[in-house]
Amino acid sequence: MKGYESLHSFYSPLRISTRPISRRRCFQGPRHTRPFSSSTRAAIAAPEIQFDGDASGRASLLQRARIVPASPSYFTAKPEFTDSLLNLQALLRKYEALPVLAPGHAPRVAWKTHAQFMLTSTEPVRVARYSRILKVLHRLNYIHPSLMPEEVAEAMQVYKRDVNPYDKVKQPVIIDQSGRARGLGRRKTSSAVAWVVEGDGEVMVNGKSLSQAFGRIHDRESAIWPLKVTDRVDRYNIWALVKGGGTTGQAEAMTLAVANGLMVHEPDLKPTLRRAGCVTRDARMVERKKHGKLKARKMPAWVKR
């Protein structure tokens, strides 16, 4: 009975039933690991909360309370980035029902690149994560400009570049008082400026004739190729200044310059010049030579492939 009294005194505050506990149930393990039925479950009220401290000298609840941060992502690895993304997503949900523009008619905006975003951020953010922000910005940019909320415009302004290249309007090239049209062209590291004027087919390059400036026949034909494909060799005179690179690069840079000047006189020739490849700049550069190769990619003859 002593064992029963000790067990009863131990469990009595937690039990409603006063029936004796069998010896078999006493050794079924700790109480918090044994299942109890609803009839034997404890029913004890929580102690009263003391906000001003208690008699034992413990601090009050207000003094022991943990300060909750204002940011919901304070304990994440990247709270600044997460807050920015959550803010944009909240704006999108808030104004999702506003009318939007047709696909392809949204204002062209130059957003900050990942490198520019990292200069203003104090956290390392991957490109894939930053693309999530750009995706939300593209959707917000399609809201009709007349109905664009002010808070959305302010949030989008943070991610715009300082200078928007799409706002620049290309100045039209006109014919001057002397009847000349100025054209520019580049190829590799070469650049050319050509003045096209109505004449009898004279071509001067850096103060020299075409045959003196370019020794190869292929380079001469490249220089005046826009005039040949349009049958305008005998109708215009050309004065050109070329510099940088080699003779082939200078001749191909002059091709683009002459074509741009010719289109000022006759804009209807643009489709013909485009099909001939005169108005599209070739952006390819010379590939550097690699170690152990004869040229950029050519391997020595003794190397077996």
C-alpha atoms as a PDB file:
ATOM      1  CA  MET A   1       0.000   0.000   0.000  1.00  0.00           C
ATOM      2  CA  LYS A   2       2.925   2.335   0.496  1.00  0.00           C
ATOM      3  CA  GLY A   3       3.768   2.056  -3.161  1.00  0.00           C
ATOM      4  CA  TYR A   4       0.182   2.705  -4.102  1.00  0.00           C
ATOM      5  CA  GLU A   5       0.019   5.766  -1.819  1.00  0.00           C
ATOM      6  CA  SER A   6       3.242   7.190  -3.298  1.00  0.00           C
ATOM      7  CA  LEU A   7       1.975   6.667  -6.839  1.00  0.00           C
ATOM      8  CA  HIS A   8      -1.421   8.063  -5.928  1.00  0.00           C
ATOM      9  CA  SER A   9       0.151  11.149  -4.388  1.00  0.00           C
ATOM     10  CA  PHE A  10       2.270  11.595  -7.534  1.00  0.00           C
ATOM     11  CA  TYR A  11      -0.556  11.230 -10.051  1.00  0.00           C
ATOM     12  CA  SER A  12      -3.466  12.576  -8.021  1.00  0.00           C
ATOM     13  CA  PRO A  13      -3.143  16.224  -9.165  1.00  0.00           C
ATOM     14  CA  LEU A  14      -3.333  15.027 -12.785  1.00  0.00           C
ATOM     15  CA  ARG A  15      -6.087  12.395 -12.553  1.00  0.00           C
ATOM     16  CA  ILE A  16      -9.816  12.644 -12.151  1.00  0.00           C
ATOM     17  CA  SER A  17     -10.442   8.958 -11.438  1.00  0.00           C
ATOM     18  CA  THR A  18      -9.404   7.602  -8.041  1.00  0.00           C
ATOM     19  CA  ARG A  19      -9.518   3.925  -8.917  1.00  0.00           C
ATOM     20  CA  PRO A  20      -6.322   2.039  -8.056  1.00  0.00           C
ATOM     21  CA  ILE A  21      -3.660   1.650 -10.725  1.00  0.00           C
ATOM     22  CA  SER A  22      -2.717  -1.900 -11.528  1.00  0.00           C
ATOM     23  CA  ARG A  23       0.827  -3.092 -11.097  1.00  0.00           C
ATOM     24  CA  ARG A  24       0.990  -3.827 -14.812  1.00  0.00           C
ATOM     25  CA  ARG A  25       0.209  -0.226 -15.775  1.00  0.00           C
ATOM     26  CA  CYS A  26       2.805   1.177 -13.408  1.00  0.00           C
ATOM     27  CA  PHE A  27       5.658  -0.180 -15.491  1.00  0.00           C
ATOM     28  CA  GLN A  28       4.434   0.787 -18.960  1.00  0.00           C
ATOM     29  CA  GLY A  29       6.905   3.649 -19.224  1.00  0.00           C
ATOM     30  CA  PRO A  30       6.896   7.366 -18.406  1.00  0.00           C
ATOM     31  CA  ARG A  31       3.542   9.018 -18.258  1.00  0.00           C
ATOM     32  CA  HIS A  32       4.231  11.480 -21.109  1.00  0.00           C
ATOM     33  CA  THR A  33       4.906   8.516 -23.444  1.00  0.00           C
ATOM     34  CA  ARG A  34       1.772   6.462 -22.538  1.00  0.00           C
ATOM     35  CA  PRO A  35      -1.549   7.129 -24.284  1.00  0.00           C
ATOM     36  CA  PHE A  36      -4.392   8.191 -22.025  1.00  0.00           C
ATOM     37  CA  SER A  37      -8.066   8.150 -22.761  1.00  0.00           C
ATOM     38  CA  SER A  38     -10.175  11.297 -22.678  1.00  0.00           C
ATOM     39  CA  SER A  39     -11.584  10.243 -19.303  1.00  0.00           C
ATOM     40  CA  THR A  40      -8.165  10.198 -17.645  1.00  0.00           C
ATOM     41  CA  ARG A  41      -6.679  13.276 -19.400  1.00  0.00           C
ATOM     42  CA  ALA A  42      -5.453  16.101 -17.177  1.00  0.00           C
ATOM     43  CA  ALA A  43      -7.644  19.200 -16.694  1.00  0.00           C
ATOM     44  CA  ILE A  44      -5.463  21.833 -15.019  1.00  0.00           C
ATOM     45  CA  ALA A  45      -5.801  25.574 -15.676  1.00  0.00           C
ATOM     46  CA  ALA A  46      -2.765  27.680 -16.576  1.00  0.00           C
ATOM     47  CA  PRO A  47      -1.301  29.829 -13.801  1.00  0.00           C
ATOM     48  CA  GLU A  48      -2.271  33.463 -13.662  1.00  0.00           C
ATOM     49  CA  ILE A  49      -0.020  35.788 -15.676  1.00  0.00           C
ATOM     50  CA  GLN A  50       1.916  38.260 -13.547  1.00  0.00           C
ATOM     51  CA  PHE A  51       2.784  41.348 -15.623  1.00  0.00           C
ATOM     52  CA  ASP A  52       4.460  43.256 -12.800  1.00  0.00           C
ATOM     53  CA  GLY A  53       6.632  40.488 -11.405  1.00  0.00           C
ATOM     54  CA  ASP A  54       6.023  38.048  -8.621  1.00  0.00           C
ATOM     55  CA  ALA A  55       7.075  37.656  -5.042  1.00  0.00           C
ATOM     56  CA  SER A  56      10.003  35.389  -5.941  1.00  0.00           C
ATOM     57  CA  GLY A  57      11.766  38.292  -7.658  1.00  0.00           C
ATOM     58  CA  ARG A  58      11.457  37.047 -11.250  1.00  0.00           C
ATOM     59  CA  ALA A  59      11.253  39.719 -13.947  1.00  0.00           C
ATOM     60  CA  SER A  60       7.884  40.728 -15.322  1.00  0.00           C
ATOM     61  CA  LEU A  61       6.515  39.309 -18.559  1.00  0.00           C
ATOM     62  CA  LEU A  62       7.050  42.615 -20.376  1.00  0.00           C
ATOM     63  CA  GLN A  63      10.724  42.573 -19.410  1.00  0.00           C
ATOM     64  CA  ARG A  64      11.157  38.966 -20.564  1.00  0.00           C
ATOM     65  CA  ALA A  65       9.197  39.386 -23.817  1.00  0.00           C
ATOM     66  CA  ARG A  66      11.136  39.053 -27.088  1.00  0.00           C
ATOM     67  CA  ILE A  67      11.003  41.996 -29.462  1.00  0.00           C
ATOM     68  CA  VAL A  68       9.317  41.020 -32.721  1.00  0.00           C
ATOM     69  CA  PRO A  69      11.077  42.548 -35.768  1.00  0.00           C
ATOM     70  CA  ALA A  70       9.079  44.691 -38.153  1.00  0.00           C
ATOM     71  CA  SER A  71      10.299  42.767 -41.191  1.00  0.00           C
ATOM     72  CA  PRO A  72       8.646  39.356 -41.715  1.00  0.00           C
ATOM     73  CA  SER A  73      11.877  38.101 -43.305  1.00  0.00           C
ATOM     74  CA  TYR A  74      14.244  39.318 -40.589  1.00  0.00           C
ATOM     75  CA  PHE A  75      15.388  35.817 -39.711  1.00  0.00           C
ATOM     76  CA  THR A  76      15.884  34.712 -43.328  1.00  0.00           C
ATOM     77  CA  ALA A  77      19.258  34.547 -45.013  1.00  0.00           C
ATOM     78  CA  LYS A  78      18.491  37.546 -47.264  1.00  0.00           C
ATOM     79  CA  PRO A  79      15.946  39.812 -45.522  1.00  0.00           C
ATOM     80  CA  GLU A  80      16.555  42.861 -47.744  1.00  0.00           C
ATOM     81  CA  PHE A  81      15.973  40.964 -50.990  1.00  0.00           C
ATOM     82  CA  THR A  82      13.006  39.041 -49.574  1.00  0.00           C
ATOM     83  CA  ASP A  83      11.352  42.234 -48.339  1.00  0.00           C
ATOM     84  CA  SER A  84      11.770  43.816 -51.775  1.00  0.00           C
ATOM     85  CA  LEU A  85      10.251  40.800 -53.509  1.00  0.00           C
ATOM     86  CA  LEU A  86       7.345  40.572 -51.046  1.00  0.00           C
ATOM     87  CA  ASN A  87       6.644  44.281 -51.438  1.00  0.00           C
ATOM     88  CA  LEU A  88       6.454  44.024 -55.242  1.00  0.00           C
ATOM     89  CA  GLN A  89       4.279  40.919 -55.066  1.00  0.00           C
ATOM     90  CA  ALA A  90       1.920  42.665 -52.631  1.00  0.00           C
ATOM     91  CA  LEU A  91       1.591  45.614 -55.037  1.00  0.00           C
ATOM     92  CA  LEU A  92       0.860  43.219 -57.897  1.00  0.00           C
ATOM     93  CA  ARG A  93      -1.915  41.488 -55.917  1.00  0.00           C
ATOM     94  CA  LYS A  94      -3.346  44.844 -54.885  1.00  0.00           C
ATOM     95  CA  TYR A  95      -3.544  46.315 -58.413  1.00  0.00           C
ATOM     96  CA  GLU A  96      -3.906  43.135 -60.421  1.00  0.00           C
ATOM     97  CA  ALA A  97      -7.403  44.110 -61.605  1.00  0.00           C
ATOM     98  CA  LEU A  98      -6.300  47.398 -63.248  1.00  0.00           C
ATOM     99  CA  PRO A  99      -6.469  47.586 -67.060  1.00  0.00           C
ATOM    100  CA  VAL A 100      -3.253  46.664 -68.840  1.00  0.00           C
ATOM    101  CA  LEU A 101      -1.767  47.493 -72.222  1.00  0.00           C
ATOM    102  CA  ALA A 102      -1.714  45.133 -75.161  1.00  0.00           C
ATOM    103  CA  PRO A 103       1.295  42.804 -75.438  1.00  0.00           C
ATOM    104  CA  GLY A 104       4.267  44.646 -76.867  1.00  0.00           C
ATOM    105  CA  HIS A 105       2.845  48.139 -76.192  1.00  0.00           C
ATOM    106  CA  ALA A 106       4.271  48.701 -72.717  1.00  0.00           C
ATOM    107  CA  PRO A 107       6.803  51.532 -72.258  1.00  0.00           C
ATOM    108  CA  ARG A 108      10.327  50.331 -72.877  1.00  0.00           C
ATOM    109  CA  VAL A 109      12.248  50.466 -69.617  1.00  0.00           C
ATOM    110  CA  ALA A 110      15.892  49.617 -69.024  1.00  0.00           C
ATOM    111  CA  TRP A 111      15.965  47.778 -65.697  1.00  0.00           C
ATOM    112  CA  LYS A 112      19.116  47.489 -63.648  1.00  0.00           C
ATOM    113  CA  THR A 113      21.319  44.562 -64.498  1.00  0.00           C
ATOM    114  CA  HIS A 114      22.311  42.021 -61.858  1.00  0.00           C
ATOM    115  CA  ALA A 115      25.712  43.685 -61.480  1.00  0.00           C
ATOM    116  CA  GLN A 116      24.135  47.120 -60.989  1.00  0.00           C
ATOM    117  CA  PHE A 117      21.665  45.695 -58.477  1.00  0.00           C
ATOM    118  CA  MET A 118      24.494  44.126 -56.480  1.00  0.00           C
ATOM    119  CA  LEU A 119      26.208  47.535 -56.165  1.00  0.00           C
ATOM    120  CA  THR A 120      23.226  48.858 -54.215  1.00  0.00           C
ATOM    121  CA  SER A 121      22.559  45.664 -52.253  1.00  0.00           C
ATOM    122  CA  THR A 122      24.300  44.582 -49.079  1.00  0.00           C
ATOM    123  CA  GLU A 123      23.488  40.890 -49.652  1.00  0.00           C
ATOM    124  CA  PRO A 124      24.761  38.381 -52.219  1.00  0.00           C
ATOM    125  CA  VAL A 125      21.848  37.643 -54.547  1.00  0.00           C
ATOM    126  CA  ARG A 126      21.992  35.155 -57.386  1.00  0.00           C
ATOM    127  CA  VAL A 127      20.886  35.938 -60.928  1.00  0.00           C
ATOM    128  CA  ALA A 128      17.992  33.467 -60.708  1.00  0.00           C
ATOM    129  CA  ARG A 129      16.622  35.231 -57.637  1.00  0.00           C
ATOM    130  CA  TYR A 130      16.955  38.675 -59.192  1.00  0.00           C
ATOM    131  CA  SER A 131      15.065  37.446 -62.260  1.00  0.00           C
ATOM    132  CA  ARG A 132      12.027  36.885 -59.999  1.00  0.00           C
ATOM    133  CA  ILE A 133      12.012  40.602 -59.229  1.00  0.00           C
ATOM    134  CA  LEU A 134      12.323  41.468 -62.921  1.00  0.00           C
ATOM    135  CA  LYS A 135       9.378  39.217 -63.744  1.00  0.00           C
ATOM    136  CA  VAL A 136       7.130  41.113 -61.323  1.00  0.00           C
ATOM    137  CA  LEU A 137       8.413  44.463 -62.611  1.00  0.00           C
ATOM    138  CA  HIS A 138       7.554  43.512 -66.210  1.00  0.00           C
ATOM    139  CA  ARG A 139       3.997  42.725 -65.135  1.00  0.00           C
ATOM    140  CA  LEU A 140       3.632  46.011 -63.211  1.00  0.00           C
ATOM    141  CA  ASN A 141       4.996  47.918 -66.203  1.00  0.00           C
ATOM    142  CA  TYR A 142       2.009  46.751 -68.282  1.00  0.00           C
ATOM    143  CA  ILE A 143      -0.470  48.691 -66.124  1.00  0.00           C
ATOM    144  CA  HIS A 144      -2.014  51.469 -68.172  1.00  0.00           C
ATOM    145  CA  PRO A 145       0.061  54.671 -67.728  1.00  0.00           C
ATOM    146  CA  SER A 146      -3.020  56.816 -67.077  1.00  0.00           C
ATOM    147  CA  LEU A 147      -4.044  54.514 -64.191  1.00  0.00           C
ATOM    148  CA  MET A 148      -0.571  53.822 -62.791  1.00  0.00           C
ATOM    149  CA  PRO A 149      -0.701  54.198 -58.956  1.00  0.00           C
ATOM    150  CA  GLU A 150       1.880  56.461 -57.420  1.00  0.00           C
ATOM    151  CA  GLU A 151       3.209  53.836 -55.017  1.00  0.00           C
ATOM    152  CA  VAL A 152       3.770  51.412 -57.902  1.00  0.00           C
ATOM    153  CA  ALA A 153       5.672  54.054 -59.887  1.00  0.00           C
ATOM    154  CA  GLU A 154       7.868  54.798 -56.866  1.00  0.00           C
ATOM    155  CA  ALA A 155       8.589  51.106 -56.280  1.00  0.00           C
ATOM    156  CA  MET A 156       9.516  50.595 -59.939  1.00  0.00           C
ATOM    157  CA  GLN A 157      11.770  53.656 -60.002  1.00  0.00           C
ATOM    158  CA  VAL A 158      14.191  51.960 -57.592  1.00  0.00           C
ATOM    159  CA  TYR A 159      14.996  49.264 -60.162  1.00  0.00           C
ATOM    160  CA  LYS A 160      15.306  51.533 -63.215  1.00  0.00           C
ATOM    161  CA  ARG A 161      18.649  52.622 -64.587  1.00  0.00           C
ATOM    162  CA  ASP A 162      19.689  56.209 -64.100  1.00  0.00           C
ATOM    163  CA  VAL A 163      19.749  56.745 -67.878  1.00  0.00           C
ATOM    164  CA  ASN A 164      17.168  55.016 -70.044  1.00  0.00           C
ATOM    165  CA  PRO A 165      18.703  54.370 -73.484  1.00  0.00           C
ATOM    166  CA  TYR A 166      15.234  53.932 -75.001  1.00  0.00           C
ATOM    167  CA  ASP A 167      14.437  57.588 -74.337  1.00  0.00           C
ATOM    168  CA  LYS A 168      17.129  58.707 -76.763  1.00  0.00           C
ATOM    169  CA  VAL A 169      15.751  59.706 -80.141  1.00  0.00           C
ATOM    170  CA  LYS A 170      18.095  59.284 -83.075  1.00  0.00           C
ATOM    171  CA  GLN A 171      18.611  62.562 -84.862  1.00  0.00           C
ATOM    172  CA  PRO A 172      17.778  62.354 -88.555  1.00  0.00           C
ATOM    173  CA  VAL A 173      20.649  62.801 -90.980  1.00  0.00           C
ATOM    174  CA  ILE A 174      19.985  65.548 -93.471  1.00  0.00           C
ATOM    175  CA  ILE A 175      21.701  66.861 -96.571  1.00  0.00           C
ATOM    176  CA  ASP A 176      23.761  70.003 -95.844  1.00  0.00           C
ATOM    177  CA  GLN A 177      23.958  73.165 -97.883  1.00  0.00           C
ATOM    178  CA  SER A 178      26.644  71.686-100.135  1.00  0.00           C
ATOM    179  CA  GLY A 179      24.453  68.710-101.022  1.00  0.00           C
ATOM    180  CA  ARG A 180      26.484  66.230 -98.933  1.00  0.00           C
ATOM    181  CA  ALA A 181      25.104  63.398 -96.812  1.00  0.00           C
ATOM    182  CA  ARG A 182      27.294  62.112 -93.987  1.00  0.00           C
ATOM    183  CA  GLY A 183      27.446  58.395 -93.161  1.00  0.00           C
ATOM    184  CA  LEU A 184      29.271  56.475 -90.420  1.00  0.00           C
ATOM    185  CA  GLY A 185      30.500  52.883 -90.448  1.00  0.00           C
ATOM    186  CA  ARG A 186      32.538  50.525 -88.274  1.00  0.00           C
ATOM    187  CA  ARG A 187      34.030  47.079 -88.693  1.00  0.00           C
ATOM    188  CA  LYS A 188      36.216  45.335 -86.105  1.00  0.00           C
ATOM    189  CA  THR A 189      38.560  48.117 -84.890  1.00  0.00           C
ATOM    190  CA  SER A 190      38.189  50.223 -88.053  1.00  0.00           C
ATOM    191  CA  SER A 191      35.919  53.233 -88.469  1.00  0.00           C
ATOM    192  CA  ALA A 192      34.979  55.287 -91.521  1.00  0.00           C
ATOM    193  CA  VAL A 193      33.189  58.558 -92.276  1.00  0.00           C
ATOM    194  CA  ALA A 194      31.916  59.064 -95.820  1.00  0.00           C
ATOM    195  CA  TRP A 195      30.363  62.123 -97.471  1.00  0.00           C
ATOM    196  CA  VAL A 196      28.144  61.227-100.400  1.00  0.00           C
ATOM    197  CA  VAL A 197      27.301  63.929-102.947  1.00  0.00           C
ATOM    198  CA  GLU A 198      25.872  63.831-106.439  1.00  0.00           C
ATOM    199  CA  GLY A 199      28.634  63.685-109.056  1.00  0.00           C
ATOM    200  CA  ASP A 200      30.286  61.552-111.717  1.00  0.00           C
ATOM    201  CA  GLY A 201      31.649  58.646-109.650  1.00  0.00           C
ATOM    202  CA  GLU A 202      34.865  60.027-108.123  1.00  0.00           C
ATOM    203  CA  VAL A 203      36.011  58.256-104.909  1.00  0.00           C
ATOM    204  CA  MET A 204      38.658  59.674-102.550  1.00  0.00           C
ATOM    205  CA  VAL A 205      39.856  57.873 -99.414  1.00  0.00           C
ATOM    206  CA  ASN A 206      42.096  59.791 -96.987  1.00  0.00           C
ATOM    207  CA  GLY A 207      43.050  62.114 -99.822  1.00  0.00           C
ATOM    208  CA  LYS A 208      44.014  59.225-102.114  1.00  0.00           C
ATOM    209  CA  SER A 209      42.270  57.567-104.994  1.00  0.00           C
ATOM    210  CA  LEU A 210      40.467  54.295-104.463  1.00  0.00           C
ATOM    211  CA  SER A 211      43.228  52.254-106.141  1.00  0.00           C
ATOM    212  CA  GLN A 212      45.927  53.929-104.036  1.00  0.00           C
ATOM    213  CA  ALA A 213      44.080  53.479-100.752  1.00  0.00           C
ATOM    214  CA  PHE A 214      43.255  49.796-101.294  1.00  0.00           C
ATOM    215  CA  GLY A 215      45.650  47.555-103.179  1.00  0.00           C
ATOM    216  CA  ARG A 216      43.363  44.526-103.328  1.00  0.00           C
ATOM    217  CA  ILE A 217      40.516  44.452-105.831  1.00  0.00           C
ATOM    218  CA  HIS A 218      38.265  42.799-103.232  1.00  0.00           C
ATOM    219  CA  ASP A 219      38.738  45.751-100.849  1.00  0.00           C
ATOM    220  CA  ARG A 220      37.988  48.267-103.615  1.00  0.00           C
ATOM    221  CA  GLU A 221      34.750  46.507-104.472  1.00  0.00           C
ATOM    222  CA  SER A 222      33.794  46.332-100.800  1.00  0.00           C
ATOM    223  CA  ALA A 223      34.314  50.087-100.391  1.00  0.00           C
ATOM    224  CA  ILE A 224      31.876  51.019-103.191  1.00  0.00           C
ATOM    225  CA  TRP A 225      29.636  47.929-102.970  1.00  0.00           C
ATOM    226  CA  PRO A 226      26.484  49.954-102.070  1.00  0.00           C
ATOM    227  CA  LEU A 227      26.879  51.947-105.303  1.00  0.00           C
ATOM    228  CA  LYS A 228      27.331  48.804-107.372  1.00  0.00           C
ATOM    229  CA  VAL A 229      24.283  46.899-106.123  1.00  0.00           C
ATOM    230  CA  THR A 230      22.072  49.974-106.729  1.00  0.00           C
ATOM    231  CA  ASP A 231      23.641  50.989-110.080  1.00  0.00           C
ATOM    232  CA  ARG A 232      24.684  54.380-108.700  1.00  0.00           C
ATOM    233  CA  VAL A 233      28.422  54.252-109.426  1.00  0.00           C
ATOM    234  CA  ASP A 234      28.261  57.086-112.008  1.00  0.00           C
ATOM    235  CA  ARG A 235      25.869  59.284-110.060  1.00  0.00           C
ATOM    236  CA  TYR A 236      27.621  60.020-106.737  1.00  0.00           C
ATOM    237  CA  ASN A 237      31.020  61.188-105.566  1.00  0.00           C
ATOM    238  CA  ILE A 238      32.467  59.930-102.275  1.00  0.00           C
ATOM    239  CA  TRP A 239      35.006  61.491 -99.904  1.00  0.00           C
ATOM    240  CA  ALA A 240      35.896  59.199 -97.020  1.00  0.00           C
ATOM    241  CA  LEU A 241      38.138  59.212 -93.971  1.00  0.00           C
ATOM    242  CA  VAL A 242      39.097  55.797 -92.574  1.00  0.00           C
ATOM    243  CA  LYS A 243      41.282  54.837 -89.624  1.00  0.00           C
ATOM    244  CA  GLY A 244      42.148  51.906 -87.383  1.00  0.00           C
ATOM    245  CA  GLY A 245      42.489  48.215 -88.149  1.00  0.00           C
ATOM    246  CA  GLY A 246      43.662  46.770 -91.451  1.00  0.00           C
ATOM    247  CA  THR A 247      42.735  47.455 -95.036  1.00  0.00           C
ATOM    248  CA  THR A 248      39.968  44.833 -95.091  1.00  0.00           C
ATOM    249  CA  GLY A 249      38.361  46.228 -91.959  1.00  0.00           C
ATOM    250  CA  GLN A 250      38.603  49.784 -93.314  1.00  0.00           C
ATOM    251  CA  ALA A 251      37.012  48.755 -96.626  1.00  0.00           C
ATOM    252  CA  GLU A 252      34.102  47.007 -94.875  1.00  0.00           C
ATOM    253  CA  ALA A 253      33.639  49.976 -92.513  1.00  0.00           C
ATOM    254  CA  MET A 254      33.467  52.194 -95.589  1.00  0.00           C
ATOM    255  CA  THR A 255      30.758  49.918 -97.023  1.00  0.00           C
ATOM    256  CA  LEU A 256      28.453  50.743 -94.120  1.00  0.00           C
ATOM    257  CA  ALA A 257      29.356  54.444 -94.207  1.00  0.00           C
ATOM    258  CA  VAL A 258      28.623  54.792 -97.943  1.00  0.00           C
ATOM    259  CA  ALA A 259      25.333  52.893 -97.552  1.00  0.00           C
ATOM    260  CA  ASN A 260      24.171  55.180 -94.723  1.00  0.00           C
ATOM    261  CA  GLY A 261      25.031  58.271 -96.749  1.00  0.00           C
ATOM    262  CA  LEU A 262      23.338  56.899 -99.848  1.00  0.00           C
ATOM    263  CA  MET A 263      20.096  56.209 -97.970  1.00  0.00           C
ATOM    264  CA  VAL A 264      19.913  59.902 -96.997  1.00  0.00           C
ATOM    265  CA  HIS A 265      19.703  60.816-100.672  1.00  0.00           C
ATOM    266  CA  GLU A 266      17.388  57.948-101.629  1.00  0.00           C
ATOM    267  CA  PRO A 267      15.584  56.311 -98.666  1.00  0.00           C
ATOM    268  CA  ASP A 268      13.791  53.900-101.006  1.00  0.00           C
ATOM    269  CA  LEU A 269      17.089  52.052-101.579  1.00  0.00           C
ATOM    270  CA  LYS A 270      17.141  50.633 -98.043  1.00  0.00           C
ATOM    271  CA  PRO A 271      15.492  47.261 -98.889  1.00  0.00           C
ATOM    272  CA  THR A 272      17.976  46.702-101.718  1.00  0.00           C
ATOM    273  CA  LEU A 273      20.942  47.642 -99.552  1.00  0.00           C
ATOM    274  CA  ARG A 274      19.683  45.432 -96.742  1.00  0.00           C
ATOM    275  CA  ARG A 275      19.414  42.391 -99.008  1.00  0.00           C
ATOM    276  CA  ALA A 276      22.957  43.075-100.213  1.00  0.00           C
ATOM    277  CA  GLY A 277      24.234  43.167 -96.612  1.00  0.00           C
ATOM    278  CA  CYS A 278      25.331  46.815 -96.713  1.00  0.00           C
ATOM    279  CA  VAL A 279      23.353  48.286 -93.800  1.00  0.00           C
ATOM    280  CA  THR A 280      23.958  45.546 -91.214  1.00  0.00           C
ATOM    281  CA  ARG A 281      27.100  45.877 -89.165  1.00  0.00           C
ATOM    282  CA  ASP A 282      29.222  42.759 -88.789  1.00  0.00           C
ATOM    283  CA  ALA A 283      29.938  42.625 -85.061  1.00  0.00           C
ATOM    284  CA  ARG A 284      32.428  39.768 -85.284  1.00  0.00           C
ATOM    285  CA  MET A 285      35.920  40.462 -84.004  1.00  0.00           C
ATOM    286  CA  VAL A 286      39.243  38.761 -84.625  1.00  0.00           C
ATOM    287  CA  GLU A 287      39.531  35.717 -82.391  1.00  0.00           C
ATOM    288  CA  ARG A 288      42.749  35.613 -80.481  1.00  0.00           C
ATOM    289  CA  LYS A 289      45.321  32.902 -81.017  1.00  0.00           C
ATOM    290  CA  LYS A 290      45.286  30.090 -78.443  1.00  0.00           C
ATOM    291  CA  HIS A 291      48.326  28.568 -76.836  1.00  0.00           C
ATOM    292  CA  GLY A 292      49.551  25.482 -78.679  1.00  0.00           C
ATOM    293  CA  LYS A 293      47.668  26.267 -81.903  1.00  0.00           C
ATOM    294  CA  LEU A 294      48.833  27.720 -85.177  1.00  0.00           C
ATOM    295  CA  LYS A 295      45.967  30.188 -85.311  1.00  0.00           C
ATOM    296  CA  ALA A 296      42.820  30.830 -83.298  1.00  0.00           C
ATOM    297  CA  ARG A 297      41.598  27.253 -83.778  1.00  0.00           C
ATOM    298  CA  LYS A 298      43.964  25.593 -86.235  1.00  0.00           C
ATOM    299  CA  MET A 299      45.943  22.743 -84.682  1.00  0.00           C
ATOM    300  CA  PRO A 300      49.447  21.704 -85.771  1.00  0.00           C
ATOM    301  CA  ALA A 301      49.651  18.998 -88.421  1.00  0.00           C
ATOM    302  CA  TRP A 302      51.293  16.486 -86.092  1.00  0.00           C
ATOM    303  CA  VAL A 303      48.375  16.548 -83.660  1.00  0.00           C
ATOM    304  CA  LYS A 304      46.083  13.592 -84.307  1.00  0.00           C
ATOM    305  CA  ARG A 305      42.406  14.191 -83.936  1.00  0.00           C
END
